[in-house]
């Protein structure tokens, strides 16, 4: 009667010993991070009661990482994975959710090199305020080196000369990078 019990104990010990020698599966390779880009969309006919639906529908397009209204009901910034969430998909989702029309805003991003390096946070703030005061400038960024500013702007409304003039007007002249 004791023998079946002893066999069971022996098998359990053998099984646990074999587990120690089992090969572990190699760790899976980390997934490469998706490259991101942004696009600005312009809308017409979006009522206040429809803004949430348009934001939700557009934000749910495969590849969209974020949707944010920059001007409630009329303009939004969409961050998406490169090669996904094409313009036509974004536009179609917005129109199906209540927008009368939707279209991408033609943008340009230009780096301007300062003639004299900025030297403080106050200079950076002045540059950003001057550029964002131009109707059609969507973003401005001064990198940590303080030698340039990157301006993202609507090409229908803003020309390079407008940005150069705004920077010169605050005493921070700059030229577009070659």
N, C-alpha and C. Protein backbone atom coordinates (compact mmCIF):
# COMPACT_ATOMS: atom_id res chain seq x y z
N UNK A 1 0.81 -1.18 0.00
CA UNK A 1 0.00 0.00 0.00
C UNK A 1 0.86 1.26 0.00
N UNK A 2 2.02 1.14 0.56
CA UNK A 2 2.88 2.31 0.61
C UNK A 2 3.55 2.56 -0.74
N UNK A 3 3.67 1.54 -1.55
CA UNK A 3 4.41 1.70 -2.79
C UNK A 3 3.78 2.73 -3.74
N UNK A 4 2.49 2.75 -3.98
CA UNK A 4 1.94 3.78 -4.88
C UNK A 4 2.26 5.19 -4.36
N UNK A 5 2.21 5.37 -3.05
CA UNK A 5 2.51 6.66 -2.47
C UNK A 5 3.97 7.03 -2.73
N UNK A 6 4.88 6.08 -2.57
CA UNK A 6 6.30 6.34 -2.79
C UNK A 6 6.58 6.64 -4.26
N UNK A 7 5.89 5.92 -5.13
CA UNK A 7 6.06 6.20 -6.56
C UNK A 7 5.57 7.61 -6.89
N UNK A 8 4.52 8.04 -6.32
CA UNK A 8 3.98 9.38 -6.58
C UNK A 8 4.97 10.44 -6.10
N UNK A 9 5.56 10.21 -4.93
CA UNK A 9 6.54 11.16 -4.39
C UNK A 9 7.77 11.19 -5.30
N UNK A 10 8.23 10.03 -5.74
CA UNK A 10 9.41 9.96 -6.60
C UNK A 10 9.16 10.66 -7.93
N UNK A 11 7.98 10.46 -8.48
CA UNK A 11 7.65 11.13 -9.74
C UNK A 11 7.58 12.65 -9.57
N UNK A 12 7.06 13.11 -8.47
CA UNK A 12 6.97 14.55 -8.20
C UNK A 12 8.37 15.16 -8.09
N UNK A 13 9.26 14.45 -7.40
CA UNK A 13 10.64 14.95 -7.26
C UNK A 13 11.33 14.97 -8.62
N UNK A 14 11.13 13.94 -9.41
CA UNK A 14 11.72 13.88 -10.73
C UNK A 14 11.20 15.00 -11.63
N UNK A 15 9.91 15.24 -11.58
CA UNK A 15 9.31 16.28 -12.41
C UNK A 15 9.86 17.65 -12.03
N UNK A 16 9.99 17.94 -10.74
CA UNK A 16 10.51 19.24 -10.32
C UNK A 16 11.98 19.39 -10.68
N UNK A 17 12.73 18.30 -10.66
CA UNK A 17 14.14 18.35 -11.04
C UNK A 17 14.26 18.64 -12.53
N UNK A 18 13.43 18.01 -13.34
CA UNK A 18 13.47 18.24 -14.78
C UNK A 18 13.09 19.67 -15.14
N UNK A 19 12.19 20.28 -14.38
CA UNK A 19 11.80 21.67 -14.63
C UNK A 19 12.99 22.60 -14.47
N UNK A 20 13.88 22.27 -13.56
CA UNK A 20 15.05 23.12 -13.35
C UNK A 20 15.94 23.15 -14.59
N UNK A 21 15.93 22.06 -15.36
CA UNK A 21 16.79 21.99 -16.53
C UNK A 21 16.08 22.43 -17.81
N UNK A 22 14.82 22.72 -17.71
CA UNK A 22 14.06 23.13 -18.90
C UNK A 22 14.61 24.48 -19.38
N UNK A 23 14.70 24.64 -20.69
CA UNK A 23 15.19 25.89 -21.25
C UNK A 23 14.11 26.95 -21.15
N UNK A 24 14.55 28.14 -20.79
CA UNK A 24 13.60 29.25 -20.76
C UNK A 24 13.51 29.82 -22.16
N UNK A 25 12.35 30.28 -22.51
CA UNK A 25 12.17 30.92 -23.82
C UNK A 25 12.94 32.23 -23.83
N UNK A 26 13.58 32.53 -24.93
CA UNK A 26 14.31 33.79 -24.98
C UNK A 26 13.33 34.96 -24.87
N UNK A 27 13.77 36.04 -24.25
CA UNK A 27 12.87 37.19 -24.13
C UNK A 27 12.53 37.73 -25.51
N UNK A 28 11.30 38.18 -25.66
CA UNK A 28 10.91 38.71 -26.97
C UNK A 28 11.60 40.06 -27.18
N UNK A 29 11.92 40.32 -28.42
CA UNK A 29 12.59 41.58 -28.75
C UNK A 29 11.64 42.73 -28.49
N UNK A 30 12.16 43.84 -27.98
CA UNK A 30 11.28 44.98 -27.73
C UNK A 30 10.72 45.51 -29.05
N UNK A 31 9.47 45.92 -28.98
CA UNK A 31 8.81 46.46 -30.15
C UNK A 31 9.41 47.83 -30.46
N UNK A 32 9.78 48.07 -31.70
CA UNK A 32 10.31 49.40 -32.00
C UNK A 32 9.22 50.45 -31.83
N UNK A 33 9.61 51.61 -31.31
CA UNK A 33 8.63 52.67 -31.12
C UNK A 33 8.23 53.22 -32.48
N UNK A 34 6.95 53.47 -32.62
CA UNK A 34 6.45 54.02 -33.87
C UNK A 34 6.92 55.46 -34.02
N UNK A 35 7.24 55.83 -35.24
CA UNK A 35 7.59 57.22 -35.53
C UNK A 35 6.29 58.00 -35.64
N UNK A 36 6.31 59.21 -35.10
CA UNK A 36 5.10 60.01 -35.08
C UNK A 36 5.26 61.26 -35.92
N UNK A 37 4.14 61.75 -36.40
CA UNK A 37 4.07 63.02 -37.11
C UNK A 37 2.76 63.68 -36.71
N UNK A 38 2.62 64.94 -37.08
CA UNK A 38 1.37 65.61 -36.77
C UNK A 38 0.81 66.28 -38.01
N UNK A 39 -0.47 66.52 -37.96
CA UNK A 39 -1.18 67.22 -39.02
C UNK A 39 -2.22 68.09 -38.34
N UNK A 40 -2.48 69.24 -38.94
CA UNK A 40 -3.56 70.09 -38.45
C UNK A 40 -4.73 69.96 -39.40
N UNK A 41 -5.92 69.87 -38.83
CA UNK A 41 -7.16 69.76 -39.61
C UNK A 41 -8.01 71.00 -39.38
N UNK A 42 -8.70 71.42 -40.43
CA UNK A 42 -9.59 72.57 -40.37
C UNK A 42 -11.01 72.06 -40.64
N UNK A 43 -11.97 72.50 -39.85
CA UNK A 43 -13.34 72.02 -39.95
C UNK A 43 -14.31 73.17 -40.18
N UNK A 44 -15.43 72.86 -40.81
CA UNK A 44 -16.56 73.79 -40.85
C UNK A 44 -17.79 73.03 -40.41
N UNK A 45 -18.75 73.78 -39.90
CA UNK A 45 -20.04 73.20 -39.55
C UNK A 45 -20.05 72.30 -38.33
N UNK A 46 -19.09 72.42 -37.45
CA UNK A 46 -19.09 71.61 -36.23
C UNK A 46 -19.73 72.43 -35.12
N UNK A 47 -20.90 72.01 -34.71
CA UNK A 47 -21.62 72.69 -33.63
C UNK A 47 -20.98 72.31 -32.29
N UNK A 48 -21.21 73.14 -31.29
CA UNK A 48 -20.64 72.88 -29.97
C UNK A 48 -21.02 71.49 -29.46
N UNK A 49 -22.22 71.04 -29.78
CA UNK A 49 -22.68 69.73 -29.32
C UNK A 49 -22.02 68.58 -30.09
N UNK A 50 -21.34 68.88 -31.20
CA UNK A 50 -20.72 67.84 -32.02
C UNK A 50 -19.22 67.73 -31.83
N UNK A 51 -18.62 68.66 -31.09
CA UNK A 51 -17.16 68.64 -30.97
C UNK A 51 -16.64 67.35 -30.35
N UNK A 52 -17.33 66.85 -29.34
CA UNK A 52 -16.87 65.62 -28.69
C UNK A 52 -16.96 64.43 -29.66
N UNK A 53 -18.03 64.38 -30.45
CA UNK A 53 -18.20 63.27 -31.40
C UNK A 53 -17.14 63.32 -32.49
N UNK A 54 -16.83 64.52 -32.99
CA UNK A 54 -15.80 64.66 -34.03
C UNK A 54 -14.45 64.27 -33.47
N UNK A 55 -14.15 64.74 -32.26
CA UNK A 55 -12.87 64.40 -31.62
C UNK A 55 -12.77 62.89 -31.40
N UNK A 56 -13.83 62.28 -30.93
CA UNK A 56 -13.82 60.83 -30.66
C UNK A 56 -13.64 60.04 -31.95
N UNK A 57 -14.41 60.38 -32.98
CA UNK A 57 -14.34 59.63 -34.24
C UNK A 57 -12.97 59.75 -34.89
N UNK A 58 -12.43 60.96 -34.88
CA UNK A 58 -11.12 61.17 -35.49
C UNK A 58 -10.04 60.51 -34.65
N UNK A 59 -10.16 60.60 -33.34
CA UNK A 59 -9.18 59.99 -32.44
C UNK A 59 -9.16 58.48 -32.49
N UNK A 60 -10.25 57.87 -32.97
CA UNK A 60 -10.33 56.40 -33.04
C UNK A 60 -9.83 55.83 -34.36
N UNK A 61 -9.42 56.67 -35.30
CA UNK A 61 -8.86 56.17 -36.55
C UNK A 61 -7.56 55.43 -36.21
N UNK A 62 -7.38 54.25 -36.78
CA UNK A 62 -6.18 53.45 -36.49
C UNK A 62 -4.92 54.24 -36.80
N UNK A 63 -4.03 54.32 -35.82
CA UNK A 63 -2.78 55.03 -35.98
C UNK A 63 -2.77 56.41 -35.34
N UNK A 64 -3.94 56.92 -34.94
CA UNK A 64 -4.00 58.23 -34.29
C UNK A 64 -3.59 58.06 -32.83
N UNK A 65 -2.63 58.86 -32.39
CA UNK A 65 -2.17 58.82 -31.00
C UNK A 65 -2.88 59.87 -30.15
N UNK A 66 -3.20 61.04 -30.75
CA UNK A 66 -3.92 62.06 -29.98
C UNK A 66 -4.64 63.01 -30.92
N UNK A 67 -5.69 63.59 -30.38
CA UNK A 67 -6.49 64.60 -31.07
C UNK A 67 -6.71 65.72 -30.07
N UNK A 68 -6.42 66.95 -30.47
CA UNK A 68 -6.63 68.09 -29.56
C UNK A 68 -7.14 69.28 -30.35
N UNK A 69 -8.24 69.84 -29.89
CA UNK A 69 -8.75 71.05 -30.52
C UNK A 69 -7.78 72.19 -30.23
N UNK A 70 -7.37 72.91 -31.26
CA UNK A 70 -6.55 74.11 -31.07
C UNK A 70 -7.45 75.34 -31.13
N UNK A 71 -8.51 75.25 -31.90
CA UNK A 71 -9.60 76.24 -31.90
C UNK A 71 -10.87 75.41 -31.89
N UNK A 72 -11.57 75.45 -30.77
CA UNK A 72 -12.73 74.57 -30.55
C UNK A 72 -13.69 74.58 -31.74
N UNK A 73 -13.90 73.41 -32.33
CA UNK A 73 -14.86 73.24 -33.41
C UNK A 73 -14.38 73.63 -34.79
N UNK A 74 -13.19 74.27 -34.89
CA UNK A 74 -12.74 74.68 -36.23
C UNK A 74 -11.34 74.21 -36.60
N UNK A 75 -10.50 73.90 -35.61
CA UNK A 75 -9.14 73.47 -35.93
C UNK A 75 -8.63 72.51 -34.86
N UNK A 76 -7.90 71.48 -35.30
CA UNK A 76 -7.37 70.50 -34.36
C UNK A 76 -6.01 70.00 -34.82
N UNK A 77 -5.21 69.59 -33.84
CA UNK A 77 -3.92 68.96 -34.11
C UNK A 77 -4.09 67.47 -33.85
N UNK A 78 -3.66 66.67 -34.84
CA UNK A 78 -3.74 65.22 -34.72
C UNK A 78 -2.31 64.67 -34.78
N UNK A 79 -1.93 63.89 -33.78
CA UNK A 79 -0.64 63.21 -33.78
C UNK A 79 -0.92 61.77 -34.20
N UNK A 80 -0.18 61.32 -35.19
CA UNK A 80 -0.41 59.98 -35.75
C UNK A 80 0.90 59.28 -36.03
N UNK A 81 0.80 57.95 -36.16
CA UNK A 81 1.97 57.16 -36.54
C UNK A 81 2.24 57.40 -38.03
N UNK A 82 3.51 57.51 -38.38
CA UNK A 82 3.89 57.72 -39.77
C UNK A 82 3.37 56.55 -40.60
N UNK A 83 2.71 56.87 -41.69
CA UNK A 83 2.20 55.84 -42.60
C UNK A 83 0.83 55.31 -42.21
N UNK A 84 0.25 55.80 -41.12
CA UNK A 84 -1.07 55.35 -40.70
C UNK A 84 -1.99 56.56 -40.57
N UNK A 85 -3.27 56.30 -40.47
CA UNK A 85 -4.26 57.37 -40.30
C UNK A 85 -4.09 58.44 -41.37
N UNK A 86 -4.23 58.02 -42.61
CA UNK A 86 -4.07 58.95 -43.73
C UNK A 86 -5.04 60.11 -43.68
N UNK A 87 -4.70 61.16 -44.39
CA UNK A 87 -5.53 62.36 -44.39
C UNK A 87 -6.98 62.06 -44.76
N UNK A 88 -7.18 61.24 -45.78
CA UNK A 88 -8.55 60.95 -46.22
C UNK A 88 -9.34 60.21 -45.14
N UNK A 89 -8.69 59.33 -44.37
CA UNK A 89 -9.37 58.63 -43.28
C UNK A 89 -9.77 59.60 -42.17
N UNK A 90 -8.89 60.53 -41.86
CA UNK A 90 -9.18 61.52 -40.82
C UNK A 90 -10.34 62.40 -41.25
N UNK A 91 -10.31 62.86 -42.49
CA UNK A 91 -11.37 63.73 -43.01
C UNK A 91 -12.70 63.00 -43.04
N UNK A 92 -12.69 61.77 -43.52
CA UNK A 92 -13.92 60.99 -43.61
C UNK A 92 -14.52 60.75 -42.22
N UNK A 93 -13.70 60.45 -41.24
CA UNK A 93 -14.21 60.21 -39.89
C UNK A 93 -14.81 61.48 -39.30
N UNK A 94 -14.19 62.62 -39.55
CA UNK A 94 -14.71 63.89 -39.02
C UNK A 94 -16.05 64.24 -39.66
N UNK A 95 -16.15 64.06 -40.96
CA UNK A 95 -17.40 64.38 -41.66
C UNK A 95 -18.51 63.41 -41.22
N UNK A 96 -18.18 62.15 -41.06
CA UNK A 96 -19.19 61.18 -40.63
C UNK A 96 -19.67 61.45 -39.21
N UNK A 97 -18.87 62.16 -38.42
CA UNK A 97 -19.25 62.46 -37.03
C UNK A 97 -19.94 63.81 -36.89
N UNK A 98 -20.10 64.55 -38.00
CA UNK A 98 -20.87 65.78 -37.90
C UNK A 98 -20.26 67.02 -38.52
N UNK A 99 -18.99 66.99 -38.90
CA UNK A 99 -18.40 68.17 -39.54
C UNK A 99 -18.97 68.30 -40.95
N UNK A 100 -19.27 69.54 -41.35
CA UNK A 100 -19.74 69.76 -42.72
C UNK A 100 -18.59 69.50 -43.69
N UNK A 101 -17.42 70.07 -43.38
CA UNK A 101 -16.22 69.81 -44.17
C UNK A 101 -15.03 69.65 -43.23
N UNK A 102 -14.02 69.00 -43.73
CA UNK A 102 -12.76 68.86 -43.00
C UNK A 102 -11.67 68.80 -44.05
N UNK A 103 -10.53 69.42 -43.75
CA UNK A 103 -9.39 69.36 -44.67
C UNK A 103 -8.11 69.59 -43.89
N UNK A 104 -7.02 69.11 -44.47
CA UNK A 104 -5.73 69.33 -43.82
C UNK A 104 -5.27 70.75 -44.12
N UNK A 105 -4.53 71.30 -43.19
CA UNK A 105 -3.97 72.63 -43.35
C UNK A 105 -2.57 72.46 -43.93
N UNK A 106 -2.27 73.16 -45.04
CA UNK A 106 -0.92 73.03 -45.61
C UNK A 106 0.10 73.72 -44.70
N UNK A 107 1.03 72.94 -44.22
CA UNK A 107 2.02 73.44 -43.26
C UNK A 107 3.43 73.42 -43.83
N UNK A 108 4.24 74.28 -43.26
CA UNK A 108 5.68 74.24 -43.50
C UNK A 108 6.35 74.37 -42.15
N UNK A 109 7.49 73.75 -42.00
CA UNK A 109 8.31 73.89 -40.79
C UNK A 109 9.66 74.42 -41.26
N UNK A 110 10.01 75.60 -40.76
CA UNK A 110 11.25 76.23 -41.17
C UNK A 110 12.09 76.56 -39.95
N UNK A 111 13.38 76.26 -40.04
CA UNK A 111 14.31 76.62 -38.98
C UNK A 111 14.94 77.96 -39.32
N UNK A 112 14.93 78.85 -38.34
CA UNK A 112 15.55 80.17 -38.49
C UNK A 112 16.74 80.23 -37.55
N UNK A 113 17.89 80.63 -38.08
CA UNK A 113 19.13 80.73 -37.30
C UNK A 113 19.28 82.18 -36.83
N UNK A 114 19.40 82.36 -35.52
CA UNK A 114 19.58 83.70 -34.97
C UNK A 114 20.95 84.24 -35.32
N UNK A 115 21.02 85.53 -35.57
CA UNK A 115 22.31 86.16 -35.86
C UNK A 115 23.15 86.21 -34.60
N UNK A 116 22.50 86.32 -33.45
CA UNK A 116 23.18 86.27 -32.16
C UNK A 116 22.44 85.27 -31.28
N UNK A 117 23.17 84.38 -30.65
CA UNK A 117 22.59 83.35 -29.80
C UNK A 117 21.74 83.98 -28.70
N UNK A 118 20.58 83.39 -28.43
CA UNK A 118 19.76 83.83 -27.31
C UNK A 118 20.50 83.51 -26.03
N UNK A 119 20.22 84.25 -24.97
CA UNK A 119 21.01 84.00 -23.75
C UNK A 119 20.17 83.68 -22.51
N UNK A 120 18.83 83.73 -22.61
CA UNK A 120 18.06 83.45 -21.39
C UNK A 120 16.64 83.00 -21.74
N UNK A 121 15.94 82.57 -20.71
CA UNK A 121 14.56 82.15 -20.86
C UNK A 121 13.65 83.28 -21.30
N UNK A 122 14.00 84.50 -20.90
CA UNK A 122 13.21 85.66 -21.32
C UNK A 122 13.26 85.85 -22.83
N UNK A 123 14.43 85.63 -23.41
CA UNK A 123 14.58 85.73 -24.86
C UNK A 123 13.73 84.66 -25.56
N UNK A 124 13.77 83.46 -25.03
CA UNK A 124 13.00 82.36 -25.60
C UNK A 124 11.51 82.69 -25.54
N UNK A 125 11.08 83.19 -24.41
CA UNK A 125 9.66 83.55 -24.24
C UNK A 125 9.26 84.64 -25.23
N UNK A 126 10.11 85.65 -25.40
CA UNK A 126 9.82 86.75 -26.33
C UNK A 126 9.71 86.23 -27.76
N UNK A 127 10.62 85.34 -28.15
CA UNK A 127 10.60 84.78 -29.50
C UNK A 127 9.31 83.99 -29.72
N UNK A 128 8.98 83.11 -28.79
CA UNK A 128 7.77 82.30 -28.93
C UNK A 128 6.52 83.17 -28.97
N UNK A 129 6.45 84.19 -28.12
CA UNK A 129 5.28 85.08 -28.12
C UNK A 129 5.17 85.84 -29.44
N UNK A 130 6.30 86.33 -29.94
CA UNK A 130 6.27 87.09 -31.20
C UNK A 130 5.80 86.21 -32.36
N UNK A 131 6.27 84.98 -32.41
CA UNK A 131 5.88 84.10 -33.51
C UNK A 131 4.44 83.63 -33.38
N UNK A 132 4.03 83.29 -32.19
CA UNK A 132 2.66 82.80 -32.00
C UNK A 132 1.62 83.90 -32.16
N UNK A 133 2.07 85.15 -32.14
CA UNK A 133 1.15 86.27 -32.38
C UNK A 133 0.83 86.42 -33.87
N UNK A 134 1.61 85.77 -34.72
CA UNK A 134 1.35 85.83 -36.17
C UNK A 134 0.23 84.85 -36.48
N UNK A 135 -0.86 85.36 -37.07
CA UNK A 135 -1.98 84.48 -37.43
C UNK A 135 -1.48 83.45 -38.44
N UNK A 136 -1.62 82.19 -38.10
CA UNK A 136 -1.18 81.10 -38.98
C UNK A 136 0.02 80.35 -38.47
N UNK A 137 0.74 80.92 -37.48
CA UNK A 137 1.84 80.17 -36.88
C UNK A 137 1.23 79.21 -35.87
N UNK A 138 1.49 77.95 -36.04
CA UNK A 138 0.90 76.91 -35.19
C UNK A 138 1.79 76.57 -34.01
N UNK A 139 3.09 76.54 -34.23
CA UNK A 139 4.03 76.13 -33.18
C UNK A 139 5.36 76.85 -33.39
N UNK A 140 6.05 77.09 -32.29
CA UNK A 140 7.43 77.56 -32.37
C UNK A 140 8.21 76.90 -31.25
N UNK A 141 9.41 76.47 -31.57
CA UNK A 141 10.25 75.76 -30.61
C UNK A 141 11.67 76.27 -30.71
N UNK A 142 12.23 76.64 -29.57
CA UNK A 142 13.64 77.03 -29.51
C UNK A 142 14.39 75.87 -28.88
N UNK A 143 15.29 75.21 -29.64
CA UNK A 143 16.07 74.11 -29.07
C UNK A 143 17.00 74.59 -27.95
N UNK A 144 17.47 73.66 -27.16
CA UNK A 144 18.28 73.97 -25.98
C UNK A 144 19.54 74.78 -26.31
N UNK A 145 20.06 74.67 -27.52
CA UNK A 145 21.29 75.40 -27.88
C UNK A 145 21.05 76.91 -27.97
N UNK A 146 19.79 77.34 -28.09
CA UNK A 146 19.38 78.75 -28.17
C UNK A 146 19.94 79.47 -29.39
N UNK A 147 20.24 78.73 -30.45
CA UNK A 147 20.80 79.35 -31.65
C UNK A 147 19.78 79.43 -32.79
N UNK A 148 18.61 78.84 -32.60
CA UNK A 148 17.62 78.80 -33.68
C UNK A 148 16.21 78.68 -33.12
N UNK A 149 15.26 78.82 -34.00
CA UNK A 149 13.85 78.57 -33.67
C UNK A 149 13.24 77.83 -34.85
N UNK A 150 12.39 76.87 -34.54
CA UNK A 150 11.66 76.13 -35.57
C UNK A 150 10.23 76.62 -35.53
N UNK A 151 9.76 77.12 -36.66
CA UNK A 151 8.39 77.62 -36.75
C UNK A 151 7.58 76.70 -37.67
N UNK A 152 6.40 76.31 -37.20
CA UNK A 152 5.46 75.52 -38.01
C UNK A 152 4.30 76.45 -38.32
N UNK A 153 4.00 76.62 -39.59
CA UNK A 153 3.01 77.62 -39.96
C UNK A 153 2.18 77.20 -41.17
N UNK A 154 1.01 77.83 -41.27
CA UNK A 154 0.08 77.63 -42.37
C UNK A 154 0.62 78.43 -43.55
N UNK A 155 0.95 77.75 -44.63
CA UNK A 155 1.57 78.41 -45.78
C UNK A 155 0.60 79.31 -46.54
N UNK A 156 -0.69 79.18 -46.28
CA UNK A 156 -1.66 80.08 -46.92
C UNK A 156 -1.65 81.45 -46.28
N UNK A 157 -1.22 81.52 -45.01
CA UNK A 157 -1.31 82.77 -44.25
C UNK A 157 0.04 83.40 -43.94
N UNK A 158 1.08 82.60 -43.87
CA UNK A 158 2.38 83.09 -43.38
C UNK A 158 3.45 82.84 -44.43
N UNK A 159 4.30 83.82 -44.59
CA UNK A 159 5.46 83.71 -45.48
C UNK A 159 6.72 83.79 -44.60
N UNK A 160 7.81 83.30 -45.10
CA UNK A 160 9.09 83.34 -44.38
C UNK A 160 9.41 84.77 -43.97
N UNK A 161 9.16 85.72 -44.84
CA UNK A 161 9.45 87.13 -44.55
C UNK A 161 8.66 87.63 -43.34
N UNK A 162 7.45 87.11 -43.13
CA UNK A 162 6.65 87.52 -41.96
C UNK A 162 7.35 87.11 -40.67
N UNK A 163 7.91 85.93 -40.66
CA UNK A 163 8.60 85.43 -39.47
C UNK A 163 9.90 86.21 -39.26
N UNK A 164 10.64 86.43 -40.33
CA UNK A 164 11.86 87.22 -40.22
C UNK A 164 11.57 88.61 -39.66
N UNK A 165 10.51 89.24 -40.13
CA UNK A 165 10.14 90.59 -39.68
C UNK A 165 9.74 90.59 -38.21
N UNK A 166 9.00 89.58 -37.77
CA UNK A 166 8.58 89.50 -36.37
C UNK A 166 9.78 89.33 -35.45
N UNK A 167 10.74 88.52 -35.87
CA UNK A 167 11.94 88.31 -35.05
C UNK A 167 12.80 89.57 -35.01
N UNK A 168 12.93 90.24 -36.14
CA UNK A 168 13.71 91.49 -36.19
C UNK A 168 13.05 92.56 -35.31
N UNK A 169 11.72 92.59 -35.30
CA UNK A 169 10.99 93.60 -34.54
C UNK A 169 11.23 93.49 -33.03
N UNK A 170 11.58 92.31 -32.55
CA UNK A 170 11.87 92.15 -31.10
C UNK A 170 13.37 92.13 -30.84
N UNK A 171 14.15 92.48 -31.85
CA UNK A 171 15.60 92.55 -31.66
C UNK A 171 16.30 91.21 -31.70
N UNK A 172 15.68 90.22 -32.33
CA UNK A 172 16.27 88.88 -32.45
C UNK A 172 16.29 88.45 -33.91
N UNK A 173 17.02 89.18 -34.75
CA UNK A 173 17.01 88.87 -36.18
C UNK A 173 17.52 87.46 -36.45
N UNK A 174 16.90 86.86 -37.47
CA UNK A 174 17.26 85.48 -37.84
C UNK A 174 17.00 85.28 -39.31
N UNK A 175 17.71 84.33 -39.90
CA UNK A 175 17.53 83.97 -41.29
C UNK A 175 17.16 82.50 -41.39
N UNK A 176 16.40 82.13 -42.43
CA UNK A 176 16.08 80.71 -42.60
C UNK A 176 17.36 79.90 -42.81
N UNK A 177 17.36 78.71 -42.22
CA UNK A 177 18.52 77.82 -42.39
C UNK A 177 18.61 77.42 -43.85
N UNK A 178 19.84 77.25 -44.35
CA UNK A 178 19.99 76.84 -45.77
C UNK A 178 19.48 75.44 -46.01
